[in-house]
Structure formats: C-alpha cells, structure tokens
N, C-alpha and C. Protein backbone atom coordinates (compact mmCIF):
# COMPACT_ATOMS: atom_id res chain seq x y z
N MET A 1 -9.85 3.86 25.25
CA MET A 1 -11.57 4.45 25.02
C MET A 1 -11.46 4.61 23.37
N LEU A 2 -9.84 5.33 23.40
CA LEU A 2 -10.57 6.03 22.00
C LEU A 2 -10.81 4.57 20.66
N ILE A 3 -9.55 3.96 20.92
CA ILE A 3 -9.21 2.41 19.87
C ILE A 3 -11.16 1.74 20.36
N ARG A 4 -11.24 1.66 20.97
CA ARG A 4 -12.80 0.90 21.37
C ARG A 4 -13.80 1.77 20.74
N ARG A 5 -14.05 3.57 20.45
CA ARG A 5 -14.78 4.73 19.84
C ARG A 5 -14.28 4.16 18.06
N LEU A 6 -13.14 3.88 17.87
CA LEU A 6 -12.98 4.77 16.69
C LEU A 6 -13.34 2.96 16.13
N LYS A 7 -12.62 2.09 16.68
CA LYS A 7 -13.36 0.10 16.01
C LYS A 7 -14.83 0.76 16.07
N HIS A 8 -15.59 1.58 17.07
CA HIS A 8 -17.44 1.18 16.56
C HIS A 8 -17.58 2.32 15.66
N LEU A 9 -17.21 3.28 15.85
CA LEU A 9 -16.66 4.26 14.19
C LEU A 9 -17.11 4.20 12.69
N ALA A 10 -15.93 2.79 12.64
CA ALA A 10 -15.38 2.86 12.14
C ALA A 10 -16.55 1.26 10.82
N THR A 11 -17.05 0.71 12.30
CA THR A 11 -17.72 -0.11 11.96
C THR A 11 -18.95 -0.16 11.62
N VAL A 12 -20.06 1.16 11.31
CA VAL A 12 -20.88 2.05 11.65
C VAL A 12 -20.63 2.80 10.44
N ALA A 13 -18.85 3.20 10.46
CA ALA A 13 -19.46 3.79 8.28
C ALA A 13 -19.47 2.40 7.76
N VAL A 14 -18.83 1.06 7.92
CA VAL A 14 -18.10 -0.47 6.97
C VAL A 14 -20.03 -0.29 6.47
N ILE A 15 -20.76 -0.12 7.13
CA ILE A 15 -22.27 -0.65 7.55
C ILE A 15 -23.00 0.04 6.75
N VAL A 16 -23.00 1.31 6.57
CA VAL A 16 -23.25 2.37 6.09
C VAL A 16 -22.75 2.90 4.90
N THR A 17 -21.52 2.01 4.57
CA THR A 17 -21.25 2.94 2.42
C THR A 17 -21.24 1.68 2.02
N CYS A 18 -20.96 0.21 2.92
CA CYS A 18 -20.90 -0.98 2.38
C CYS A 18 -21.99 -1.38 1.93
N GLY A 19 -23.23 -1.13 2.02
CA GLY A 19 -23.84 -2.29 2.91
C GLY A 19 -24.83 -2.49 1.52
N HIS A 20 -24.76 -2.18 0.47
CA HIS A 20 -25.60 -2.65 -0.89
C HIS A 20 -23.87 -3.55 -1.87
N GLY A 21 -22.99 -4.19 -0.94
CA GLY A 21 -21.99 -4.25 -1.67
C GLY A 21 -21.15 -4.08 -1.88
N LEU A 22 -19.54 -4.81 -2.49
CA LEU A 22 -18.66 -4.22 -3.09
C LEU A 22 -18.76 -2.95 -3.12
N LEU A 23 -17.42 -2.03 -2.59
CA LEU A 23 -17.39 -0.39 -3.50
C LEU A 23 -17.37 -0.42 -4.86
N SER A 24 -18.29 0.79 -5.62
CA SER A 24 -17.35 0.04 -6.95
C SER A 24 -16.54 1.32 -7.53
N ASN A 25 -15.88 1.17 -8.23
CA ASN A 25 -14.71 2.00 -8.83
C ASN A 25 -14.90 3.53 -9.44
N ALA A 26 -16.95 3.51 -9.06
CA ALA A 26 -16.69 5.37 -9.88
C ALA A 26 -17.59 5.80 -8.05
N TRP A 27 -17.43 5.39 -7.73
CA TRP A 27 -16.99 5.49 -6.11
C TRP A 27 -16.30 6.38 -4.79
N ALA A 28 -14.83 5.98 -6.52
CA ALA A 28 -12.76 5.69 -5.28
C ALA A 28 -13.68 7.40 -6.34
N GLU A 29 -13.14 8.31 -7.43
CA GLU A 29 -13.64 9.38 -7.43
C GLU A 29 -14.75 10.78 -6.68
N VAL A 30 -15.57 10.01 -6.34
CA VAL A 30 -15.90 10.78 -4.84
C VAL A 30 -15.54 10.57 -3.71
N ALA A 31 -16.06 12.41 -3.71
CA ALA A 31 -15.37 13.07 -2.45
C ALA A 31 -16.19 12.04 -0.38
N GLN A 32 -15.57 12.08 -0.04
CA GLN A 32 -16.08 11.03 0.44
C GLN A 32 -16.06 12.43 2.48
N LEU A 33 -18.07 12.42 2.48
CA LEU A 33 -18.41 13.31 2.99
C LEU A 33 -18.85 13.64 4.66
N ASP A 34 -19.29 12.24 4.01
CA ASP A 34 -19.86 11.11 5.25
C ASP A 34 -19.32 10.29 6.46
N LEU A 35 -18.38 9.66 6.68
CA LEU A 35 -17.26 9.43 6.94
C LEU A 35 -17.87 10.00 9.03
N PRO A 36 -17.33 8.96 9.85
CA PRO A 36 -17.90 9.38 11.18
C PRO A 36 -16.57 10.29 11.49
N ARG A 37 -17.27 10.55 12.29
CA ARG A 37 -16.56 12.54 12.82
C ARG A 37 -16.49 12.03 14.63
N ILE A 38 -15.24 12.70 15.06
CA ILE A 38 -15.07 13.18 16.29
C ILE A 38 -14.83 14.46 16.28
N GLU A 39 -14.01 14.26 17.51
CA GLU A 39 -13.78 16.57 18.04
C GLU A 39 -12.66 16.03 19.27
N LEU A 40 -11.97 17.11 18.47
CA LEU A 40 -10.45 16.98 18.78
C LEU A 40 -10.21 18.35 18.78
N ARG A 41 -8.52 18.72 20.46
CA ARG A 41 -8.34 20.12 20.57
C ARG A 41 -7.19 20.02 20.33
N ALA A 42 -6.42 20.88 19.75
CA ALA A 42 -5.48 21.90 19.53
C ALA A 42 -4.93 22.87 20.93
N GLY A 43 -4.63 23.03 22.09
CA GLY A 43 -4.60 23.81 22.84
C GLY A 43 -5.97 23.90 22.56
N VAL A 44 -6.33 25.55 22.65
CA VAL A 44 -7.87 25.98 22.82
C VAL A 44 -8.36 26.05 21.72
N HIS A 45 -8.02 25.20 20.19
CA HIS A 45 -7.91 24.98 19.52
C HIS A 45 -9.68 23.83 18.55
N ARG A 46 -10.77 24.42 18.43
CA ARG A 46 -11.17 23.16 18.08
C ARG A 46 -12.01 22.48 16.50
N ILE A 47 -11.21 20.61 16.66
CA ILE A 47 -11.58 20.34 15.70
C ILE A 47 -12.56 19.59 15.36
N THR A 48 -12.86 19.49 13.97
CA THR A 48 -13.96 18.19 13.01
C THR A 48 -13.36 17.52 12.76
N SER A 49 -14.00 15.93 12.63
CA SER A 49 -12.27 15.19 11.77
C SER A 49 -13.12 14.78 12.21
N GLN A 50 -13.26 13.65 10.63
CA GLN A 50 -13.68 12.58 10.22
C GLN A 50 -12.94 12.08 10.44
N ILE A 51 -12.70 10.24 10.29
CA ILE A 51 -11.99 9.61 10.83
C ILE A 51 -11.81 8.61 9.79
N ALA A 52 -10.67 8.63 8.69
CA ALA A 52 -11.00 7.91 7.74
C ALA A 52 -9.97 6.21 8.18
N GLN A 53 -10.09 5.11 9.44
CA GLN A 53 -9.92 3.46 9.38
C GLN A 53 -9.28 2.60 8.41
N THR A 54 -10.91 2.83 7.76
CA THR A 54 -9.96 1.22 6.61
C THR A 54 -9.31 1.61 5.74
N PRO A 55 -8.89 1.21 4.88
CA PRO A 55 -7.47 1.00 3.48
C PRO A 55 -8.91 2.31 2.99
N GLN A 56 -9.46 1.11 2.18
CA GLN A 56 -10.09 2.43 1.43
C GLN A 56 -10.47 3.88 1.91
N THR A 57 -11.37 4.17 3.14
CA THR A 57 -11.22 5.45 3.45
C THR A 57 -9.79 6.53 3.20
N ARG A 58 -8.95 6.05 4.07
CA ARG A 58 -7.86 6.03 3.69
C ARG A 58 -7.14 6.18 2.32
N GLU A 59 -7.30 5.90 1.96
CA GLU A 59 -7.14 5.63 0.06
C GLU A 59 -7.13 7.09 -0.34
N ILE A 60 -9.04 7.32 -0.82
CA ILE A 60 -9.54 8.52 -1.07
C ILE A 60 -9.08 9.67 -0.27
N GLY A 61 -9.27 9.63 1.19
CA GLY A 61 -8.88 10.28 2.01
C GLY A 61 -9.17 11.12 1.80
N LEU A 62 -9.15 12.15 1.68
CA LEU A 62 -10.53 14.19 1.03
C LEU A 62 -9.81 14.32 -0.43
N MET A 63 -9.28 13.64 -1.31
CA MET A 63 -9.89 13.31 -2.67
C MET A 63 -10.98 13.89 -2.62
N TYR A 64 -10.62 14.95 -4.13
CA TYR A 64 -12.18 15.27 -5.02
C TYR A 64 -12.62 16.69 -4.79
N ARG A 65 -12.35 16.54 -3.27
CA ARG A 65 -12.95 17.48 -2.90
C ARG A 65 -12.31 18.87 -3.16
N THR A 66 -13.07 20.12 -3.19
CA THR A 66 -12.95 21.38 -3.42
C THR A 66 -13.39 22.66 -2.30
N SER A 67 -13.39 22.43 -1.29
CA SER A 67 -13.16 22.53 -0.09
C SER A 67 -13.48 21.92 1.11
N MET A 68 -12.67 22.91 2.52
CA MET A 68 -13.55 22.45 3.64
C MET A 68 -13.20 23.72 3.97
N PRO A 69 -14.04 22.92 5.30
CA PRO A 69 -14.68 24.24 5.86
C PRO A 69 -13.33 24.69 7.41
N ASN A 70 -13.29 25.36 8.12
CA ASN A 70 -11.49 26.32 8.55
C ASN A 70 -10.99 25.48 9.05
N ASN A 71 -12.70 24.65 10.34
CA ASN A 71 -11.84 23.98 12.18
C ASN A 71 -11.99 21.43 11.28
N GLU A 72 -12.20 22.46 10.34
CA GLU A 72 -12.17 20.60 9.96
C GLU A 72 -11.08 20.01 9.29
N GLY A 73 -10.94 18.54 9.58
CA GLY A 73 -10.03 17.79 8.65
C GLY A 73 -10.75 16.16 9.23
N MET A 74 -9.14 15.28 8.62
CA MET A 74 -8.92 14.67 8.07
C MET A 74 -8.36 13.72 9.24
N LEU A 75 -8.66 13.14 10.00
CA LEU A 75 -7.81 11.92 11.20
C LEU A 75 -8.15 10.73 10.76
N PHE A 76 -6.03 10.36 10.14
CA PHE A 76 -6.45 9.16 8.92
C PHE A 76 -5.65 7.11 10.54
N VAL A 77 -6.78 6.83 10.73
CA VAL A 77 -6.33 5.94 11.65
C VAL A 77 -5.67 5.19 10.92
N PHE A 78 -4.03 4.32 11.34
CA PHE A 78 -3.88 3.20 11.28
C PHE A 78 -3.10 1.92 12.21
N GLU A 79 -3.90 0.61 11.69
CA GLU A 79 -3.61 -0.36 13.12
C GLU A 79 -2.17 -0.08 13.95
N GLN A 80 -0.99 0.81 13.77
CA GLN A 80 0.19 0.37 14.25
C GLN A 80 0.41 1.06 14.38
N PRO A 81 1.87 1.22 14.71
CA PRO A 81 2.53 2.56 13.98
C PRO A 81 3.34 2.22 13.66
N ASP A 82 3.59 3.40 12.53
CA ASP A 82 4.40 3.33 11.30
C ASP A 82 4.75 4.15 10.26
N MET A 83 6.35 4.26 9.52
CA MET A 83 6.77 5.15 9.25
C MET A 83 5.85 5.22 7.76
N VAL A 84 4.85 6.55 7.55
CA VAL A 84 4.25 6.99 6.67
C VAL A 84 4.68 7.99 5.72
N CYS A 85 4.30 7.68 5.45
CA CYS A 85 4.32 9.11 3.98
C CYS A 85 2.71 9.76 3.08
N PHE A 86 2.21 10.38 2.88
CA PHE A 86 1.36 10.62 2.23
C PHE A 86 1.69 11.91 1.32
N TRP A 87 1.19 11.82 -0.39
CA TRP A 87 0.58 12.40 -1.23
C TRP A 87 -0.37 12.49 -1.56
N MET A 88 0.07 14.16 -2.30
CA MET A 88 -1.62 14.41 -3.04
C MET A 88 -2.19 15.00 -4.07
N LYS A 89 -1.92 13.05 -4.65
CA LYS A 89 -2.89 12.88 -6.25
C LYS A 89 -4.30 13.24 -6.27
N ASN A 90 -5.09 13.84 -6.53
CA ASN A 90 -6.55 13.18 -7.32
C ASN A 90 -6.98 14.57 -6.08
N THR A 91 -6.35 14.65 -5.08
CA THR A 91 -6.16 16.28 -3.55
C THR A 91 -5.73 18.00 -4.27
N LEU A 92 -7.26 17.81 -4.19
CA LEU A 92 -7.62 19.46 -4.80
C LEU A 92 -7.67 20.29 -4.05
N ILE A 93 -6.69 20.37 -2.84
CA ILE A 93 -7.10 21.59 -2.33
C ILE A 93 -5.89 21.47 -0.97
N PRO A 94 -4.88 23.25 -1.21
CA PRO A 94 -3.54 22.36 -0.50
C PRO A 94 -3.80 21.71 1.24
N LEU A 95 -3.35 21.00 1.35
CA LEU A 95 -3.56 20.27 2.96
C LEU A 95 -2.00 20.65 3.82
N SER A 96 -1.92 20.68 5.53
CA SER A 96 -1.25 20.23 6.66
C SER A 96 -1.49 19.50 6.79
N ALA A 97 -0.84 18.49 6.60
CA ALA A 97 -0.94 17.26 7.56
C ALA A 97 0.69 16.95 8.67
N ALA A 98 -0.46 16.52 10.01
CA ALA A 98 0.42 15.98 11.52
C ALA A 98 0.83 15.24 11.80
N PHE A 99 1.10 14.92 11.82
CA PHE A 99 1.67 13.51 12.17
C PHE A 99 1.83 12.78 13.92
N ILE A 100 1.01 11.99 13.85
CA ILE A 100 0.44 11.70 15.80
C ILE A 100 1.25 10.63 16.04
N ALA A 101 1.89 10.52 17.13
CA ALA A 101 2.19 9.30 18.09
C ALA A 101 0.98 9.24 19.04
N ASN A 102 1.42 7.77 19.55
CA ASN A 102 0.07 7.35 19.85
C ASN A 102 0.36 8.24 22.11
N ASP A 103 1.02 8.68 22.04
CA ASP A 103 0.33 9.73 22.73
C ASP A 103 0.84 11.21 22.30
N GLY A 104 -0.49 11.57 21.89
CA GLY A 104 -1.40 13.14 20.80
C GLY A 104 -0.02 14.00 20.29
N ARG A 105 1.13 13.07 20.49
CA ARG A 105 2.24 14.59 20.97
C ARG A 105 2.49 14.64 18.60
N ILE A 106 2.77 16.04 18.13
CA ILE A 106 2.57 15.85 17.08
C ILE A 106 3.91 15.65 16.85
N VAL A 107 4.41 14.26 15.37
CA VAL A 107 5.63 13.92 16.24
C VAL A 107 6.57 15.51 14.53
N ASN A 108 5.48 15.41 13.37
CA ASN A 108 6.19 16.37 12.42
C ASN A 108 5.19 17.32 11.58
N ILE A 109 4.85 17.98 11.45
CA ILE A 109 4.11 18.90 10.26
C ILE A 109 4.67 19.11 9.06
N ALA A 110 3.77 18.31 7.55
CA ALA A 110 4.03 18.71 6.68
C ALA A 110 2.66 19.43 6.12
N ASN A 111 3.43 20.47 4.97
CA ASN A 111 2.57 21.12 4.05
C ASN A 111 3.11 20.56 3.06
N MET A 112 1.78 20.40 1.82
CA MET A 112 1.20 20.16 0.51
C MET A 112 1.09 20.07 0.21
N GLN A 113 1.59 20.65 -1.26
CA GLN A 113 0.74 20.72 -2.45
C GLN A 113 -0.89 19.78 -3.06
N ALA A 114 -1.64 20.97 -3.93
CA ALA A 114 -2.92 20.18 -4.65
C ALA A 114 -2.49 19.09 -5.88
N ASN A 115 -2.89 17.82 -5.54
CA ASN A 115 -2.46 17.29 -6.98
C ASN A 115 -0.89 16.79 -6.86
N SER A 116 0.30 17.31 -6.16
CA SER A 116 1.24 16.76 -5.91
C SER A 116 1.85 14.92 -5.65
N THR A 117 2.43 14.58 -6.56
CA THR A 117 2.51 13.53 -5.69
C THR A 117 4.16 12.38 -5.22
N GLU A 118 4.59 14.06 -4.62
CA GLU A 118 5.67 14.91 -3.40
C GLU A 118 5.47 13.98 -2.89
N PRO A 119 5.97 12.45 -2.53
CA PRO A 119 5.83 12.53 -0.68
C PRO A 119 6.29 12.64 0.66
N HIS A 120 5.65 12.91 1.56
CA HIS A 120 5.43 13.70 2.30
C HIS A 120 5.48 12.73 3.42
N CYS A 121 6.58 12.44 5.20
CA CYS A 121 7.35 11.02 5.32
C CYS A 121 6.44 11.59 7.00
N THR A 122 7.11 11.12 8.08
CA THR A 122 6.83 11.10 9.39
C THR A 122 8.71 10.78 9.55
N LYS A 123 8.27 11.86 11.21
CA LYS A 123 9.62 11.93 10.83
C LYS A 123 10.34 10.70 12.55
N GLU A 124 9.34 9.92 12.62
CA GLU A 124 9.71 8.55 13.82
C GLU A 124 7.59 8.10 12.93
N PRO A 125 7.86 6.74 13.56
CA PRO A 125 7.11 5.70 13.77
C PRO A 125 5.38 6.43 14.20
N VAL A 126 4.11 6.61 13.30
CA VAL A 126 3.16 7.05 14.07
C VAL A 126 1.43 6.47 13.72
N ARG A 127 0.47 6.36 13.70
CA ARG A 127 -0.54 6.15 13.77
C ARG A 127 -1.13 6.54 13.78
N LEU A 128 -1.98 7.65 13.55
CA LEU A 128 -2.57 9.12 13.10
C LEU A 128 -1.84 10.06 12.75
N VAL A 129 -3.09 10.60 11.32
CA VAL A 129 -1.89 12.04 10.91
C VAL A 129 -3.29 12.43 10.66
N LEU A 130 -2.87 14.31 11.05
CA LEU A 130 -4.34 14.90 11.07
C LEU A 130 -4.20 15.89 9.80
N GLU A 131 -5.18 14.97 8.86
CA GLU A 131 -5.11 16.37 7.74
C GLU A 131 -6.17 18.00 7.55
N MET A 132 -5.39 18.64 6.91
CA MET A 132 -5.68 19.97 7.68
C MET A 132 -5.75 21.04 6.62
N ASN A 133 -6.26 22.12 6.48
CA ASN A 133 -6.60 23.35 4.59
C ASN A 133 -4.76 23.48 5.34
N GLN A 134 -4.11 23.64 4.01
CA GLN A 134 -2.65 24.06 4.60
C GLN A 134 -2.42 25.48 5.15
N GLY A 135 -1.74 25.48 5.77
CA GLY A 135 -1.27 26.87 7.02
C GLY A 135 -2.08 26.87 8.18
N TRP A 136 -3.28 25.98 8.18
CA TRP A 136 -4.08 25.75 9.19
C TRP A 136 -2.96 25.46 11.12
N PHE A 137 -2.41 24.59 10.74
CA PHE A 137 -1.31 25.35 12.22
C PHE A 137 -0.43 25.06 12.49
N ALA A 138 0.29 26.02 11.10
CA ALA A 138 1.09 27.06 11.14
C ALA A 138 0.29 28.61 11.57
N GLN A 139 -0.90 28.97 11.72
CA GLN A 139 -1.70 30.22 12.11
C GLN A 139 -2.10 29.90 13.34
N ARG A 140 -1.75 29.06 14.20
CA ARG A 140 -1.98 28.91 14.99
C ARG A 140 -1.41 28.89 15.98
N GLY A 141 0.39 28.18 15.71
CA GLY A 141 1.73 28.81 16.52
C GLY A 141 1.19 26.94 16.82
N ILE A 142 0.96 26.30 16.21
CA ILE A 142 1.08 24.72 16.67
C ILE A 142 2.35 23.93 16.04
N LYS A 143 3.05 23.69 16.65
CA LYS A 143 3.79 23.16 15.86
C LYS A 143 4.30 21.50 16.21
N ALA A 144 5.53 21.34 15.89
CA ALA A 144 6.18 19.58 16.29
C ALA A 144 5.64 19.44 18.02
N GLY A 145 5.84 19.38 19.04
CA GLY A 145 5.34 18.71 20.38
C GLY A 145 3.87 19.62 20.80
N ALA A 146 3.39 19.56 19.87
CA ALA A 146 2.38 19.56 20.76
C ALA A 146 1.10 19.30 20.52
N LEU A 147 -0.15 18.21 21.36
CA LEU A 147 -0.39 18.04 21.92
C LEU A 147 -1.82 17.93 21.33
N ILE A 148 -2.50 16.52 20.74
CA ILE A 148 -3.99 16.82 20.32
C ILE A 148 -4.34 16.05 20.64
N ASP A 149 -5.72 16.52 21.41
CA ASP A 149 -5.95 15.24 23.23
C ASP A 149 -8.13 15.66 21.74
N GLY A 150 -7.89 14.84 22.42
CA GLY A 150 -9.37 13.95 21.89
C GLY A 150 -9.56 12.70 21.56
N LEU A 151 -8.26 12.05 21.52
CA LEU A 151 -8.21 10.68 20.81
C LEU A 151 -7.84 10.27 21.40
N ARG A 152 -8.28 10.02 22.60
CA ARG A 152 -7.78 8.97 23.64
C ARG A 152 -9.41 8.91 23.86
C-alpha cells in the first residue's frame, strides 16, 4: 500500500515540477519545499515528511534550506534495499538521518553536520531514510530498533 501511494505521489510530483520541460541547473540550487507529503509516527510523535523518491529529488534533498519546522522532515525512498550513504554538501542545517528497513525498523541513526562531505552510512541494506533536524530522534528517546509507522 505504501509503495502504491508513494508511486502515485511521485508521479504527481514529476508532473508538477517537470510539466514545462526538463529541470534546469538553476532549479538545482533552490530548496525543495513543494514535494508530496506523508504523515508518519515515531511512537507518539507525529512527523510531517516530504517524500524524495526520484533521483533528482533525492539528490537535492534538504539542500539550500536555512531552517525546517521541528516536526517536519524528508523521507528518501529508494527502489530497492541497498547500503546507502548520505552527506551534507550544500545542506545548511544540521540533520539526523534514520536509516529504515522495509519493516519500518530504524537500523541506525546518524547525526550529520551542515556543509560536510563526511559520509554517513547505513549498517544494513535499507530502502528508506528519514532526515529530521539534528537531535530530533535523541530528544524523544528514539533509537535503533524503534518503528516508524505510516510507511505502509
């Protein structure tokens, strides 16, 4: 069900953002603020998350933003489980990334510094990564092994 819903949202996003032709290089330096959104939960905590599902939206991610609301984030969706690494080039705010397995279980969480090219990798193959403001998971006692609901 999640896959079907995400595919539909990704199709809508591509039509909206690419309806006037191919993405230009100028767009690559603008924060993505209009991606489809999904409501998630980590225990009792609600998260509003944008969905980055295409190669272009995943590449830009949260780059160029100067702030992000406290309970908002970005969910990166990959086609299949894999070992993935994230870095923070052109990302202006520090983030925490939860690497999530298909069953919604957080595999590991990485705290990432703004504008850093240091790679932060998953400890096992994942298909989802949820980025939140740095410290969001720790402040709520959410650790590896916790479940993220709303993904199915």
